[in-house]
Amino acid sequence: MGGAYAGQLIVRVRERAVDGSATDAVAASLAAAFSVTHRSVVCIRGAISRTKTFDIEGDDATLTAALAQLLQ
């Protein structure tokens, strides 16, 4: 994870933005950070943009706690 900016989580990956490989890498990083499966992380906005929005499926309390820790 790359930190936080204005209440948003920043994720940095090494993959280049070619054929969705960077988006897939971000999804994999989020899945690992939130301890969920890769299928639980879906890009819902910005798949071809630098700024992306992801939906993470899982227990709300667990995900909220993980996000709070990542944003510190």
PDB file of N, CA and C in Angstrom:
ATOM      1  N   MET A   1       0.839  -1.169   0.000  1.00  0.00           N
ATOM      2  CA  MET A   1       0.000   0.000   0.000  1.00  0.00           C
ATOM      3  C   MET A   1       0.889   1.238   0.000  1.00  0.00           C
ATOM      4  N   GLY A   2       0.420   2.265  -0.640  1.00  0.00           N
ATOM      5  CA  GLY A   2       1.221   3.461  -0.780  1.00  0.00           C
ATOM      6  C   GLY A   2       0.874   4.580   0.174  1.00  0.00           C
ATOM      7  N   GLY A   3      -0.021   4.316   1.139  1.00  0.00           N
ATOM      8  CA  GLY A   3      -0.383   5.340   2.093  1.00  0.00           C
ATOM      9  C   GLY A   3      -1.795   5.852   1.864  1.00  0.00           C
ATOM     10  N   ALA A   4      -2.039   7.068   2.302  1.00  0.00           N
ATOM     11  CA  ALA A   4      -3.377   7.651   2.184  1.00  0.00           C
ATOM     12  C   ALA A   4      -3.261   9.107   1.763  1.00  0.00           C
ATOM     13  N   TYR A   5      -4.286   9.579   1.088  1.00  0.00           N
ATOM     14  CA  TYR A   5      -4.358  10.976   0.691  1.00  0.00           C
ATOM     15  C   TYR A   5      -5.832  11.374   0.713  1.00  0.00           C
ATOM     16  N   ALA A   6      -6.164  12.388   1.487  1.00  0.00           N
ATOM     17  CA  ALA A   6      -7.531  12.906   1.589  1.00  0.00           C
ATOM     18  C   ALA A   6      -8.532  11.801   1.905  1.00  0.00           C
ATOM     19  N   GLY A   7      -8.151  10.900   2.805  1.00  0.00           N
ATOM     20  CA  GLY A   7      -9.053   9.840   3.218  1.00  0.00           C
ATOM     21  C   GLY A   7      -9.182   8.685   2.248  1.00  0.00           C
ATOM     22  N   GLN A   8      -8.362   8.684   1.217  1.00  0.00           N
ATOM     23  CA  GLN A   8      -8.392   7.615   0.226  1.00  0.00           C
ATOM     24  C   GLN A   8      -7.125   6.791   0.321  1.00  0.00           C
ATOM     25  N   LEU A   9      -7.267   5.500   0.132  1.00  0.00           N
ATOM     26  CA  LEU A   9      -6.130   4.599   0.171  1.00  0.00           C
ATOM     27  C   LEU A   9      -5.383   4.669  -1.153  1.00  0.00           C
ATOM     28  N   ILE A  10      -4.082   4.798  -1.090  1.00  0.00           N
ATOM     29  CA  ILE A  10      -3.254   4.830  -2.289  1.00  0.00           C
ATOM     30  C   ILE A  10      -2.576   3.478  -2.421  1.00  0.00           C
ATOM     31  N   VAL A  11      -2.717   2.882  -3.598  1.00  0.00           N
ATOM     32  CA  VAL A  11      -2.094   1.588  -3.880  1.00  0.00           C
ATOM     33  C   VAL A  11      -1.162   1.780  -5.066  1.00  0.00           C
ATOM     34  N   ARG A  12       0.078   1.398  -4.888  1.00  0.00           N
ATOM     35  CA  ARG A  12       1.060   1.502  -5.973  1.00  0.00           C
ATOM     36  C   ARG A  12       1.479   0.106  -6.394  1.00  0.00           C
ATOM     37  N   VAL A  13       1.541  -0.111  -7.690  1.00  0.00           N
ATOM     38  CA  VAL A  13       1.958  -1.406  -8.225  1.00  0.00           C
ATOM     39  C   VAL A  13       3.025  -1.192  -9.292  1.00  0.00           C
ATOM     40  N   ARG A  14       3.792  -2.231  -9.544  1.00  0.00           N
ATOM     41  CA  ARG A  14       4.859  -2.146 -10.544  1.00  0.00           C
ATOM     42  C   ARG A  14       4.366  -2.414 -11.968  1.00  0.00           C
ATOM     43  N   GLU A  15       3.251  -3.102 -12.094  1.00  0.00           N
ATOM     44  CA  GLU A  15       2.745  -3.458 -13.409  1.00  0.00           C
ATOM     45  C   GLU A  15       2.370  -2.216 -14.195  1.00  0.00           C
ATOM     46  N   ARG A  16       2.597  -2.282 -15.489  1.00  0.00           N
ATOM     47  CA  ARG A  16       2.259  -1.168 -16.365  1.00  0.00           C
ATOM     48  C   ARG A  16       0.776  -1.225 -16.701  1.00  0.00           C
ATOM     49  N   ALA A  17       0.224  -0.106 -17.026  1.00  0.00           N
ATOM     50  CA  ALA A  17      -1.200  -0.005 -17.350  1.00  0.00           C
ATOM     51  C   ALA A  17      -1.446  -0.468 -18.791  1.00  0.00           C
ATOM     52  N   VAL A  18      -1.245  -1.758 -19.017  1.00  0.00           N
ATOM     53  CA  VAL A  18      -1.434  -2.343 -20.340  1.00  0.00           C
ATOM     54  C   VAL A  18      -2.372  -3.533 -20.201  1.00  0.00           C
ATOM     55  N   ASP A  19      -3.464  -3.523 -20.961  1.00  0.00           N
ATOM     56  CA  ASP A  19      -4.434  -4.621 -20.982  1.00  0.00           C
ATOM     57  C   ASP A  19      -4.963  -4.975 -19.594  1.00  0.00           C
ATOM     58  N   GLY A  20      -5.107  -3.997 -18.727  1.00  0.00           N
ATOM     59  CA  GLY A  20      -5.693  -4.219 -17.413  1.00  0.00           C
ATOM     60  C   GLY A  20      -4.780  -4.863 -16.387  1.00  0.00           C
ATOM     61  N   SER A  21      -3.496  -5.005 -16.723  1.00  0.00           N
ATOM     62  CA  SER A  21      -2.599  -5.674 -15.777  1.00  0.00           C
ATOM     63  C   SER A  21      -2.382  -4.860 -14.506  1.00  0.00           C
ATOM     64  N   ALA A  22      -2.360  -3.553 -14.601  1.00  0.00           N
ATOM     65  CA  ALA A  22      -2.206  -2.726 -13.399  1.00  0.00           C
ATOM     66  C   ALA A  22      -3.460  -2.806 -12.530  1.00  0.00           C
ATOM     67  N   THR A  23      -4.627  -2.802 -13.141  1.00  0.00           N
ATOM     68  CA  THR A  23      -5.875  -2.926 -12.383  1.00  0.00           C
ATOM     69  C   THR A  23      -5.928  -4.277 -11.675  1.00  0.00           C
ATOM     70  N   ASP A  24      -5.520  -5.341 -12.367  1.00  0.00           N
ATOM     71  CA  ASP A  24      -5.482  -6.670 -11.749  1.00  0.00           C
ATOM     72  C   ASP A  24      -4.496  -6.701 -10.586  1.00  0.00           C
ATOM     73  N   ALA A  25      -3.376  -6.023 -10.736  1.00  0.00           N
ATOM     74  CA  ALA A  25      -2.371  -5.987  -9.666  1.00  0.00           C
ATOM     75  C   ALA A  25      -2.897  -5.228  -8.447  1.00  0.00           C
ATOM     76  N   VAL A  26      -3.625  -4.148  -8.683  1.00  0.00           N
ATOM     77  CA  VAL A  26      -4.225  -3.399  -7.571  1.00  0.00           C
ATOM     78  C   VAL A  26      -5.249  -4.276  -6.860  1.00  0.00           C
ATOM     79  N   ALA A  27      -6.076  -4.980  -7.626  1.00  0.00           N
ATOM     80  CA  ALA A  27      -7.079  -5.864  -7.026  1.00  0.00           C
ATOM     81  C   ALA A  27      -6.406  -6.942  -6.190  1.00  0.00           C
ATOM     82  N   ALA A  28      -5.319  -7.514  -6.686  1.00  0.00           N
ATOM     83  CA  ALA A  28      -4.597  -8.547  -5.931  1.00  0.00           C
ATOM     84  C   ALA A  28      -3.996  -7.964  -4.651  1.00  0.00           C
ATOM     85  N   SER A  29      -3.466  -6.757  -4.732  1.00  0.00           N
ATOM     86  CA  SER A  29      -2.901  -6.102  -3.546  1.00  0.00           C
ATOM     87  C   SER A  29      -3.979  -5.818  -2.504  1.00  0.00           C
ATOM     88  N   LEU A  30      -5.122  -5.352  -2.966  1.00  0.00           N
ATOM     89  CA  LEU A  30      -6.230  -5.095  -2.045  1.00  0.00           C
ATOM     90  C   LEU A  30      -6.728  -6.389  -1.406  1.00  0.00           C
ATOM     91  N   ALA A  31      -6.827  -7.440  -2.202  1.00  0.00           N
ATOM     92  CA  ALA A  31      -7.268  -8.731  -1.666  1.00  0.00           C
ATOM     93  C   ALA A  31      -6.327  -9.200  -0.564  1.00  0.00           C
ATOM     94  N   ALA A  32      -5.040  -9.058  -0.788  1.00  0.00           N
ATOM     95  CA  ALA A  32      -4.065  -9.464   0.227  1.00  0.00           C
ATOM     96  C   ALA A  32      -4.161  -8.578   1.469  1.00  0.00           C
ATOM     97  N   ALA A  33      -4.284  -7.278   1.263  1.00  0.00           N
ATOM     98  CA  ALA A  33      -4.330  -6.338   2.390  1.00  0.00           C
ATOM     99  C   ALA A  33      -5.577  -6.523   3.246  1.00  0.00           C
ATOM    100  N   PHE A  34      -6.682  -6.901   2.622  1.00  0.00           N
ATOM    101  CA  PHE A  34      -7.937  -7.063   3.352  1.00  0.00           C
ATOM    102  C   PHE A  34      -8.241  -8.524   3.679  1.00  0.00           C
ATOM    103  N   SER A  35      -7.314  -9.403   3.380  1.00  0.00           N
ATOM    104  CA  SER A  35      -7.446 -10.845   3.668  1.00  0.00           C
ATOM    105  C   SER A  35      -8.724 -11.442   3.086  1.00  0.00           C
ATOM    106  N   VAL A  36      -8.970 -11.136   1.815  1.00  0.00           N
ATOM    107  CA  VAL A  36     -10.103 -11.713   1.100  1.00  0.00           C
ATOM    108  C   VAL A  36      -9.584 -12.354  -0.179  1.00  0.00           C
ATOM    109  N   THR A  37     -10.443 -13.104  -0.858  1.00  0.00           N
ATOM    110  CA  THR A  37     -10.035 -13.717  -2.116  1.00  0.00           C
ATOM    111  C   THR A  37      -9.990 -12.664  -3.217  1.00  0.00           C
ATOM    112  N   HIS A  38      -9.259 -12.959  -4.261  1.00  0.00           N
ATOM    113  CA  HIS A  38      -9.147 -12.043  -5.390  1.00  0.00           C
ATOM    114  C   HIS A  38     -10.524 -11.785  -6.016  1.00  0.00           C
ATOM    115  N   ARG A  39     -11.390 -12.788  -5.988  1.00  0.00           N
ATOM    116  CA  ARG A  39     -12.736 -12.644  -6.557  1.00  0.00           C
ATOM    117  C   ARG A  39     -13.621 -11.716  -5.734  1.00  0.00           C
ATOM    118  N   SER A  40     -13.230 -11.425  -4.515  1.00  0.00           N
ATOM    119  CA  SER A  40     -14.014 -10.538  -3.647  1.00  0.00           C
ATOM    120  C   SER A  40     -13.740  -9.067  -3.929  1.00  0.00           C
ATOM    121  N   VAL A  41     -12.767  -8.789  -4.777  1.00  0.00           N
ATOM    122  CA  VAL A  41     -12.373  -7.408  -5.089  1.00  0.00           C
ATOM    123  C   VAL A  41     -12.722  -7.121  -6.551  1.00  0.00           C
ATOM    124  N   VAL A  42     -13.595  -6.126  -6.760  1.00  0.00           N
ATOM    125  CA  VAL A  42     -14.065  -5.802  -8.105  1.00  0.00           C
ATOM    126  C   VAL A  42     -13.890  -4.312  -8.359  1.00  0.00           C
ATOM    127  N   CYS A  43     -13.297  -3.980  -9.485  1.00  0.00           N
ATOM    128  CA  CYS A  43     -13.170  -2.580  -9.891  1.00  0.00           C
ATOM    129  C   CYS A  43     -14.531  -2.134 -10.422  1.00  0.00           C
ATOM    130  N   ILE A  44     -15.137  -1.155  -9.762  1.00  0.00           N
ATOM    131  CA  ILE A  44     -16.463  -0.701 -10.174  1.00  0.00           C
ATOM    132  C   ILE A  44     -16.433   0.626 -10.927  1.00  0.00           C
ATOM    133  N   ARG A  45     -15.294   1.310 -10.880  1.00  0.00           N
ATOM    134  CA  ARG A  45     -15.167   2.569 -11.613  1.00  0.00           C
ATOM    135  C   ARG A  45     -13.697   2.855 -11.873  1.00  0.00           C
ATOM    136  N   GLY A  46     -13.401   3.290 -13.096  1.00  0.00           N
ATOM    137  CA  GLY A  46     -12.058   3.722 -13.426  1.00  0.00           C
ATOM    138  C   GLY A  46     -11.112   2.631 -13.875  1.00  0.00           C
ATOM    139  N   ALA A  47     -11.619   1.569 -14.474  1.00  0.00           N
ATOM    140  CA  ALA A  47     -10.759   0.453 -14.885  1.00  0.00           C
ATOM    141  C   ALA A  47      -9.630   0.901 -15.806  1.00  0.00           C
ATOM    142  N   ILE A  48      -9.876   1.921 -16.619  1.00  0.00           N
ATOM    143  CA  ILE A  48      -8.826   2.401 -17.518  1.00  0.00           C
ATOM    144  C   ILE A  48      -8.309   3.778 -17.112  1.00  0.00           C
ATOM    145  N   SER A  49      -8.623   4.175 -15.896  1.00  0.00           N
ATOM    146  CA  SER A  49      -8.215   5.476 -15.377  1.00  0.00           C
ATOM    147  C   SER A  49      -7.156   5.305 -14.295  1.00  0.00           C
ATOM    148  N   ARG A  50      -6.457   6.361 -13.996  1.00  0.00           N
ATOM    149  CA  ARG A  50      -5.459   6.333 -12.925  1.00  0.00           C
ATOM    150  C   ARG A  50      -6.117   6.225 -11.551  1.00  0.00           C
ATOM    151  N   THR A  51      -7.292   6.836 -11.405  1.00  0.00           N
ATOM    152  CA  THR A  51      -8.058   6.783 -10.161  1.00  0.00           C
ATOM    153  C   THR A  51      -9.141   5.724 -10.303  1.00  0.00           C
ATOM    154  N   LYS A  52      -9.152   4.776  -9.387  1.00  0.00           N
ATOM    155  CA  LYS A  52     -10.077   3.651  -9.473  1.00  0.00           C
ATOM    156  C   LYS A  52     -10.890   3.525  -8.193  1.00  0.00           C
ATOM    157  N   THR A  53     -12.064   2.938  -8.317  1.00  0.00           N
ATOM    158  CA  THR A  53     -12.906   2.628  -7.172  1.00  0.00           C
ATOM    159  C   THR A  53     -13.160   1.129  -7.181  1.00  0.00           C
ATOM    160  N   PHE A  54     -12.905   0.491  -6.035  1.00  0.00           N
ATOM    161  CA  PHE A  54     -13.085  -0.953  -5.914  1.00  0.00           C
ATOM    162  C   PHE A  54     -14.153  -1.261  -4.884  1.00  0.00           C
ATOM    163  N   ASP A  55     -14.880  -2.342  -5.121  1.00  0.00           N
ATOM    164  CA  ASP A  55     -15.821  -2.882  -4.155  1.00  0.00           C
ATOM    165  C   ASP A  55     -15.177  -4.142  -3.587  1.00  0.00           C
ATOM    166  N   ILE A  56     -15.150  -4.244  -2.264  1.00  0.00           N
ATOM    167  CA  ILE A  56     -14.552  -5.410  -1.615  1.00  0.00           C
ATOM    168  C   ILE A  56     -15.648  -6.109  -0.826  1.00  0.00           C
ATOM    169  N   GLU A  57     -15.891  -7.357  -1.176  1.00  0.00           N
ATOM    170  CA  GLU A  57     -16.938  -8.134  -0.531  1.00  0.00           C
ATOM    171  C   GLU A  57     -16.368  -8.865   0.679  1.00  0.00           C
ATOM    172  N   GLY A  58     -17.062  -8.752   1.799  1.00  0.00           N
ATOM    173  CA  GLY A  58     -16.622  -9.416   3.021  1.00  0.00           C
ATOM    174  C   GLY A  58     -17.349  -8.866   4.226  1.00  0.00           C
ATOM    175  N   ASP A  59     -16.927  -9.275   5.395  1.00  0.00           N
ATOM    176  CA  ASP A  59     -17.525  -8.812   6.645  1.00  0.00           C
ATOM    177  C   ASP A  59     -17.221  -7.330   6.843  1.00  0.00           C
ATOM    178  N   ASP A  60     -18.287  -6.532   6.973  1.00  0.00           N
ATOM    179  CA  ASP A  60     -18.115  -5.074   7.068  1.00  0.00           C
ATOM    180  C   ASP A  60     -17.221  -4.653   8.227  1.00  0.00           C
ATOM    181  N   ALA A  61     -17.400  -5.253   9.384  1.00  0.00           N
ATOM    182  CA  ALA A  61     -16.601  -4.871  10.552  1.00  0.00           C
ATOM    183  C   ALA A  61     -15.123  -5.186  10.330  1.00  0.00           C
ATOM    184  N   THR A  62     -14.839  -6.337   9.754  1.00  0.00           N
ATOM    185  CA  THR A  62     -13.455  -6.731   9.485  1.00  0.00           C
ATOM    186  C   THR A  62     -12.819  -5.821   8.441  1.00  0.00           C
ATOM    187  N   LEU A  63     -13.580  -5.528   7.377  1.00  0.00           N
ATOM    188  CA  LEU A  63     -13.054  -4.660   6.315  1.00  0.00           C
ATOM    189  C   LEU A  63     -12.834  -3.235   6.818  1.00  0.00           C
ATOM    190  N   THR A  64     -13.750  -2.732   7.634  1.00  0.00           N
ATOM    191  CA  THR A  64     -13.615  -1.388   8.195  1.00  0.00           C
ATOM    192  C   THR A  64     -12.392  -1.299   9.102  1.00  0.00           C
ATOM    193  N   ALA A  65     -12.166  -2.318   9.906  1.00  0.00           N
ATOM    194  CA  ALA A  65     -10.998  -2.323  10.790  1.00  0.00           C
ATOM    195  C   ALA A  65      -9.713  -2.369   9.974  1.00  0.00           C
ATOM    196  N   ALA A  66      -9.692  -3.184   8.925  1.00  0.00           N
ATOM    197  CA  ALA A  66      -8.500  -3.277   8.077  1.00  0.00           C
ATOM    198  C   ALA A  66      -8.235  -1.954   7.375  1.00  0.00           C
ATOM    199  N   LEU A  67      -9.289  -1.313   6.889  1.00  0.00           N
ATOM    200  CA  LEU A  67      -9.122  -0.013   6.212  1.00  0.00           C
ATOM    201  C   LEU A  67      -8.597   1.037   7.174  1.00  0.00           C
ATOM    202  N   ALA A  68      -9.140   1.069   8.374  1.00  0.00           N
ATOM    203  CA  ALA A  68      -8.674   2.036   9.383  1.00  0.00           C
ATOM    204  C   ALA A  68      -7.193   1.862   9.650  1.00  0.00           C
ATOM    205  N   GLN A  69      -6.744   0.628   9.730  1.00  0.00           N
ATOM    206  CA  GLN A  69      -5.324   0.375   9.980  1.00  0.00           C
ATOM    207  C   GLN A  69      -4.467   0.794   8.790  1.00  0.00           C
ATOM    208  N   LEU A  70      -4.951   0.529   7.577  1.00  0.00           N
ATOM    209  CA  LEU A  70      -4.197   0.908   6.375  1.00  0.00           C
ATOM    210  C   LEU A  70      -4.115   2.422   6.214  1.00  0.00           C
ATOM    211  N   LEU A  71      -5.129   3.140   6.663  1.00  0.00           N
ATOM    212  CA  LEU A  71      -5.146   4.594   6.508  1.00  0.00           C
ATOM    213  C   LEU A  71      -4.314   5.332   7.550  1.00  0.00           C
ATOM    214  N   GLN A  72      -3.802   4.620   8.554  1.00  0.00           N
ATOM    215  CA  GLN A  72      -2.990   5.273   9.590  1.00  0.00           C
ATOM    216  C   GLN A  72      -1.662   5.719   9.053  1.00  0.00           C
TER     217      GLN A  72
END
